[in-house]
Protein backbone atom coordinates (compact mmCIF):
# COMPACT_ATOMS: atom_id res chain seq x y z
CA MET A 1 112.73 254.65 269.63
CA ALA A 2 116.32 255.56 270.48
CA ASP A 3 116.85 252.08 271.86
CA ASP A 4 115.53 250.66 268.63
CA VAL A 5 117.97 252.73 266.65
CA ALA A 6 120.87 251.74 268.84
CA GLN A 7 119.97 248.09 268.51
CA ALA A 8 119.87 248.49 264.61
CA LYS A 9 123.45 249.69 264.77
CA GLY A 10 126.22 247.10 264.23
CA PRO A 11 129.29 246.80 266.48
CA LEU A 12 131.21 250.03 267.00
CA VAL A 13 134.33 250.25 264.98
CA TRP A 14 135.49 253.84 265.59
CA LEU A 15 134.03 256.19 268.25
CA ASP A 16 130.27 255.97 267.97
CA MET A 17 130.31 254.59 264.42
CA ASP A 18 129.54 250.98 263.12
CA GLN A 19 131.20 249.82 259.99
CA LYS A 20 128.70 251.34 257.57
CA ALA A 21 128.78 254.73 259.28
CA LEU A 22 132.51 254.76 259.18
CA ASP A 23 132.63 253.74 255.53
CA ASP A 24 130.18 256.50 254.70
CA ALA A 25 132.26 258.99 256.80
CA TYR A 26 135.18 258.48 254.51
CA ASP A 27 133.13 258.52 251.26
CA GLN A 28 132.50 262.15 250.53
CA THR A 29 130.02 261.36 247.75
CA VAL A 30 127.55 260.35 250.46
CA TRP A 31 127.64 263.99 251.71
CA ALA A 32 127.71 265.89 248.54
CA ALA A 33 124.72 265.46 246.12
CA ASN A 34 126.18 268.05 243.72
CA GLN A 35 129.51 266.34 243.19
CA SER A 36 129.07 265.81 239.45
CA LEU A 37 128.18 269.43 239.06
CA VAL A 38 131.22 270.66 241.04
CA GLN A 39 133.35 268.31 238.93
CA ARG A 40 132.00 269.79 235.70
CA ARG A 41 132.73 273.27 236.88
CA ARG A 42 136.31 272.28 237.88
CA GLU A 43 136.99 270.51 234.65
CA ALA A 44 135.77 273.52 232.55
CA ALA A 45 137.81 275.95 234.61
CA ALA A 46 141.00 273.74 234.63
CA ASN A 47 140.87 273.26 230.81
CA ALA A 48 140.43 276.94 230.08
CA ALA A 49 143.25 277.88 232.54
CA TYR A 50 145.59 275.25 231.24
CA ALA A 51 145.11 276.33 227.57
CA ARG A 52 145.46 280.10 228.63
CA LEU A 53 148.49 279.69 230.84
CA ALA A 54 150.46 277.01 229.05
CA PRO A 55 152.60 275.70 231.92
CA ARG A 56 156.05 274.20 231.55
CA ARG A 57 156.38 270.45 232.36
CA MET A 58 159.24 269.79 234.82
CA SER A 59 160.52 266.54 236.17
CA TYR A 60 161.47 265.66 239.86
CA GLY A 61 162.21 261.95 239.26
CA GLU A 62 162.86 259.22 236.77
CA THR A 63 159.51 257.94 236.00
CA GLN A 64 157.08 259.66 233.72
CA ILE A 65 154.57 260.47 236.49
CA GLU A 66 157.23 262.17 238.64
CA GLY A 67 156.69 265.67 237.20
CA PHE A 68 154.85 268.90 237.79
CA ASP A 69 153.25 271.66 235.79
CA PHE A 70 155.09 274.89 236.57
CA TYR A 71 153.32 278.16 236.10
CA SER A 72 155.74 281.16 236.12
CA CYS A 73 154.67 284.62 237.20
CA GLY A 74 157.60 285.96 235.19
CA ARG A 75 159.50 287.40 238.14
CA LYS A 76 162.81 286.33 239.74
CA GLY A 77 163.06 285.59 243.55
CA ALA A 78 159.28 285.01 243.73
CA PRO A 79 157.52 282.53 246.07
CA ILE A 80 156.58 279.14 244.88
CA LEU A 81 153.27 277.48 245.86
CA CYS A 82 153.28 273.71 245.50
CA PHE A 83 149.75 272.19 245.21
CA ILE A 84 149.01 268.54 245.96
CA HIS A 85 145.69 267.33 244.51
CA GLY A 86 143.13 264.95 246.09
CA GLY A 87 141.20 262.20 244.63
CA ALA A 88 141.07 259.54 247.38
CA TRP A 89 144.67 258.67 246.50
CA ARG A 90 143.23 257.10 243.42
CA SER A 91 142.58 259.69 240.82
CA GLY A 92 143.48 263.13 239.50
CA THR A 93 146.30 264.87 237.71
CA SER A 94 148.11 268.23 237.81
CA ARG A 95 146.14 269.40 234.67
CA ASP A 96 142.91 268.84 236.47
CA PHE A 97 143.73 271.73 238.86
CA ALA A 98 145.25 274.28 236.41
CA GLN A 99 142.56 276.87 237.62
CA LEU A 100 144.35 277.26 240.96
CA ALA A 101 147.32 278.94 239.44
CA GLU A 102 146.00 282.21 238.15
CA PRO A 103 145.30 284.10 241.49
CA TYR A 104 148.75 283.42 242.74
CA LEU A 105 150.40 284.36 239.43
CA ALA A 106 148.57 287.63 239.83
CA ILE A 107 150.20 288.47 243.13
CA GLY A 108 153.64 287.56 241.82
CA ALA A 109 154.14 283.93 242.91
CA HIS A 110 155.00 280.84 240.81
CA VAL A 111 152.79 277.77 241.12
CA ALA A 112 153.87 274.09 240.85
CA ILE A 113 151.05 271.57 240.55
CA LEU A 114 152.44 268.08 241.41
CA ASP A 115 151.80 264.74 239.77
CA PHE A 116 152.36 261.49 241.58
CA VAL A 117 151.46 257.82 241.13
CA SER A 118 147.98 256.61 242.08
CA ILE A 119 147.53 254.14 244.93
CA ASP A 120 146.18 251.48 242.63
CA ALA A 121 149.35 251.63 240.45
CA VAL A 122 151.50 250.80 243.44
CA HIS A 123 149.19 248.01 244.84
CA GLY A 124 148.11 250.17 247.89
CA GLU A 125 151.54 251.27 249.01
CA LEU A 126 150.88 254.65 250.43
CA PRO A 127 154.59 255.29 251.37
CA VAL A 128 155.41 255.40 247.64
CA MET A 129 153.14 258.37 247.10
CA VAL A 130 154.37 260.14 250.21
CA ASP A 131 157.83 259.67 249.14
CA GLN A 132 157.11 261.05 245.70
CA VAL A 133 155.54 264.36 246.93
CA ARG A 134 158.34 264.82 249.42
CA ARG A 135 160.99 264.41 246.71
CA ALA A 136 159.00 266.77 244.53
CA VAL A 137 158.99 269.46 247.27
CA ALA A 138 162.69 268.83 247.98
CA HIS A 139 163.53 269.10 244.22
CA ILE A 140 161.58 272.50 243.97
CA TYR A 141 163.43 273.64 247.09
CA ARG A 142 166.85 272.71 245.71
CA HIS A 143 166.16 274.20 242.23
CA ALA A 144 164.12 277.21 243.23
CA ALA A 145 166.61 279.71 241.80
CA ASP A 146 166.51 277.84 238.50
CA PHE A 147 162.82 278.41 238.30
CA GLY A 148 162.99 282.04 239.19
CA GLY A 149 161.98 281.31 242.87
CA ASP A 150 163.31 281.80 246.30
CA GLN A 151 164.24 278.94 248.57
CA ALA A 152 163.00 280.91 251.61
CA LYS A 153 159.48 281.33 250.12
CA ILE A 154 158.39 277.76 249.35
CA PHE A 155 154.64 277.11 250.29
CA VAL A 156 152.54 273.95 250.06
CA ALA A 157 148.73 273.39 249.83
CA GLY A 158 146.68 270.27 249.41
CA HIS A 159 143.10 268.99 249.51
CA SER A 160 141.53 265.78 250.72
CA SER A 161 143.91 262.86 250.11
CA GLY A 162 146.14 265.71 248.97
CA GLY A 163 145.66 267.27 252.33
CA HIS A 164 146.88 264.01 253.92
CA LEU A 165 150.02 264.10 251.74
CA THR A 166 150.51 267.78 252.56
CA GLY A 167 150.41 266.79 256.19
CA CYS A 168 153.10 264.26 255.56
CA VAL A 169 155.11 266.97 253.71
CA VAL A 170 154.89 269.40 256.63
CA THR A 171 155.96 266.75 259.05
CA THR A 172 158.99 265.52 256.95
CA ASP A 173 162.38 265.20 258.49
CA TRP A 174 164.12 267.23 255.81
CA GLU A 175 167.57 266.69 257.24
CA ALA A 176 167.22 263.05 256.10
CA TYR A 177 166.94 264.54 252.54
CA GLY A 178 170.07 266.52 253.00
CA LEU A 179 168.18 269.75 253.49
CA PRO A 180 167.75 272.29 256.23
CA ARG A 181 165.20 271.34 259.01
CA ARG A 182 162.88 274.15 257.91
CA ILE A 183 162.35 274.58 254.15
CA LEU A 184 158.72 275.58 254.11
CA ALA A 185 157.41 279.12 254.61
CA GLY A 186 153.79 278.06 255.16
CA ALA A 187 151.14 275.55 254.25
CA VAL A 188 147.39 275.25 253.57
CA LEU A 189 145.74 271.88 254.42
CA MET A 190 142.11 271.43 253.31
CA SER A 191 139.86 268.57 254.37
CA GLY A 192 142.62 266.18 255.06
CA MET A 193 143.20 263.05 257.05
CA TYR A 194 145.73 263.57 259.79
CA ASP A 195 145.36 260.20 261.71
CA LEU A 196 145.14 257.14 259.49
CA GLU A 197 143.78 254.83 262.15
CA PRO A 198 140.11 255.38 261.50
CA VAL A 199 140.75 255.44 257.78
CA ARG A 200 142.43 252.14 258.13
CA ARG A 201 139.29 250.75 259.61
CA SER A 202 137.09 251.99 256.75
CA LYS A 203 136.51 250.60 253.39
CA ARG A 204 139.41 252.51 252.08
CA SER A 205 141.52 249.60 253.36
CA LEU A 206 140.18 247.64 250.46
CA TYR A 207 142.65 249.53 248.19
CA VAL A 208 145.18 250.98 250.61
CA ARG A 209 147.58 248.57 252.31
CA PHE A 210 147.71 250.00 255.86
CA THR A 211 150.07 248.61 258.42
CA ASP A 212 150.96 249.57 261.99
CA GLU A 213 154.14 251.04 260.63
CA ASN A 214 152.67 253.22 257.98
CA VAL A 215 149.75 254.41 260.07
CA GLN A 216 152.34 255.52 262.69
CA ALA A 217 154.76 257.07 260.09
CA LEU A 218 152.18 258.86 257.78
CA SER A 219 149.78 260.21 260.37
CA ALA A 220 150.66 263.98 260.65
CA ILE A 221 149.11 264.28 264.14
CA ARG A 222 151.82 261.91 265.52
CA HIS A 223 154.73 263.98 264.27
CA LEU A 224 153.93 267.48 265.54
CA ASP A 225 157.50 268.13 266.58
CA LYS A 226 158.53 268.16 262.86
CA ILE A 227 156.20 271.03 261.85
CA ASN A 228 158.28 274.13 261.20
CA CYS A 229 155.98 276.49 259.32
CA PRO A 230 152.64 278.27 259.83
CA LEU A 231 149.60 276.14 259.08
CA ILE A 232 146.17 277.23 257.72
CA LEU A 233 143.67 274.27 258.23
CA ALA A 234 140.19 274.27 256.69
CA TYR A 235 137.00 272.18 256.38
CA GLY A 236 133.48 272.67 255.15
CA SER A 237 130.45 272.53 257.33
CA GLU A 238 128.85 270.11 254.88
CA GLU A 239 131.56 267.49 255.02
CA SER A 240 131.12 264.34 256.91
CA PRO A 241 131.43 264.93 260.68
CA GLU A 242 134.39 262.59 260.85
CA PHE A 243 136.34 264.70 258.30
CA GLN A 244 135.44 267.74 260.27
CA ARG A 245 136.69 266.00 263.46
CA GLN A 246 140.07 265.14 261.79
CA THR A 247 140.75 268.72 260.96
CA CYS A 248 139.51 270.06 264.41
CA ALA A 249 141.69 267.34 266.26
CA PHE A 250 144.75 268.25 264.22
CA HIS A 251 144.22 271.87 264.77
CA ASP A 252 143.85 271.41 268.47
CA ALA A 253 147.01 269.24 268.65
CA VAL A 254 149.19 271.62 266.59
CA GLN A 255 148.03 274.53 268.73
CA ALA A 256 148.67 272.67 271.95
CA ALA A 257 152.28 271.92 270.77
CA GLY A 258 152.75 275.76 270.42
CA LYS A 259 152.92 275.85 266.61
CA PRO A 260 151.29 278.62 264.56
CA VAL A 261 148.04 277.41 263.27
CA GLU A 262 144.75 279.02 261.92
CA LEU A 263 141.33 277.15 261.54
CA LEU A 264 138.92 278.07 258.79
CA VAL A 265 135.33 276.64 258.71
CA LEU A 266 133.54 277.26 255.44
CA GLU A 267 129.84 277.38 256.16
CA GLY A 268 127.57 275.74 253.57
CA THR A 269 130.42 274.21 251.78
CA ASN A 270 130.95 270.51 250.97
CA HIS A 271 134.16 268.54 250.45
CA PHE A 272 134.24 269.07 246.67
CA GLU A 273 133.59 272.79 246.80
CA MET A 274 136.58 273.47 249.01
CA VAL A 275 138.96 273.64 246.10
CA GLU A 276 136.85 276.35 244.57
CA SER A 277 137.46 278.49 247.56
CA LEU A 278 141.20 278.13 247.24
CA ALA A 279 141.04 279.35 243.60
CA ASN A 280 138.85 282.35 244.54
CA PRO A 281 140.77 285.37 245.84
CA TYR A 282 137.66 286.42 247.68
CA GLY A 283 136.88 282.95 249.11
CA PHE A 284 137.71 282.22 252.77
CA ILE A 285 140.58 279.83 251.80
CA GLY A 286 141.81 281.90 248.81
CA ARG A 287 141.99 285.10 250.84
CA ALA A 288 143.96 283.49 253.65
CA ALA A 289 146.27 281.49 251.31
CA LEU A 290 147.00 284.54 249.17
CA ALA A 291 147.64 286.58 252.21
CA GLN A 292 150.26 283.97 253.41
CA VAL A 293 151.95 283.95 250.09
CA ARG A 294 151.68 287.67 249.35
CA THR A 295 153.66 288.54 252.46
CA ALA A 296 156.52 286.65 250.87
CA ALA A 297 155.99 288.01 247.42
CA HIS A 298 156.70 291.73 248.33
């Protein structure tokens, strides 16, 4: 029977996966039957939070999309958490994640939820998105005092494709932006992709233009020397095994490089439910992220 299964498999394209298995591994809808329900919960929570909290719209660049929603805690010298949303690099806006702000406001931190171009709008050019989120974080660092924040207390967090982008942020050469080498106080990376080579071989290459150069440049696991802040990495036990492997491999590499890193595994949690934990002060991720920021808030 095992031989029959093996023969039914196509040529291996990554580890023990044929093309269909790899495509499924990078399609989280295959692994989360309740995706639409989670999305409805998120939309309802985000709409209510956005109306209640009424963020200020701020700009970090010249185009309309280059902005962020800024939620102020009303304190000066407070930490700032920058959130980078997911959506397979194709979808999502800052407004869709307004519900994340409230727990951090409650402990005395500001929150900036970033907007950036979709991959389809730039014809698959992932470096454009990475440049935008890096410039956004650099702008927030430079103008932290103007926002009532503290340059020494800038945190970042991201999920899914936003986890990948956050990986690029924490491995940025900030001196190339005219900034100090260390501008981040901490980061939370959830369910991200830290090595783009297997992603390149999946069906995501139909809409992302992967090259040898950008796979090398935009894979966080290949730039461990540039990490200069503590990391919290997280994944859910119900995500695809390949997504779980990405986080575990990155964690092991960061740890081997002697950098401070913590790994959280959320049992019984799928890919789309991870963000709910970040927004929950009693959730595994929310508790750890709040503790990271709270230390700087007081």
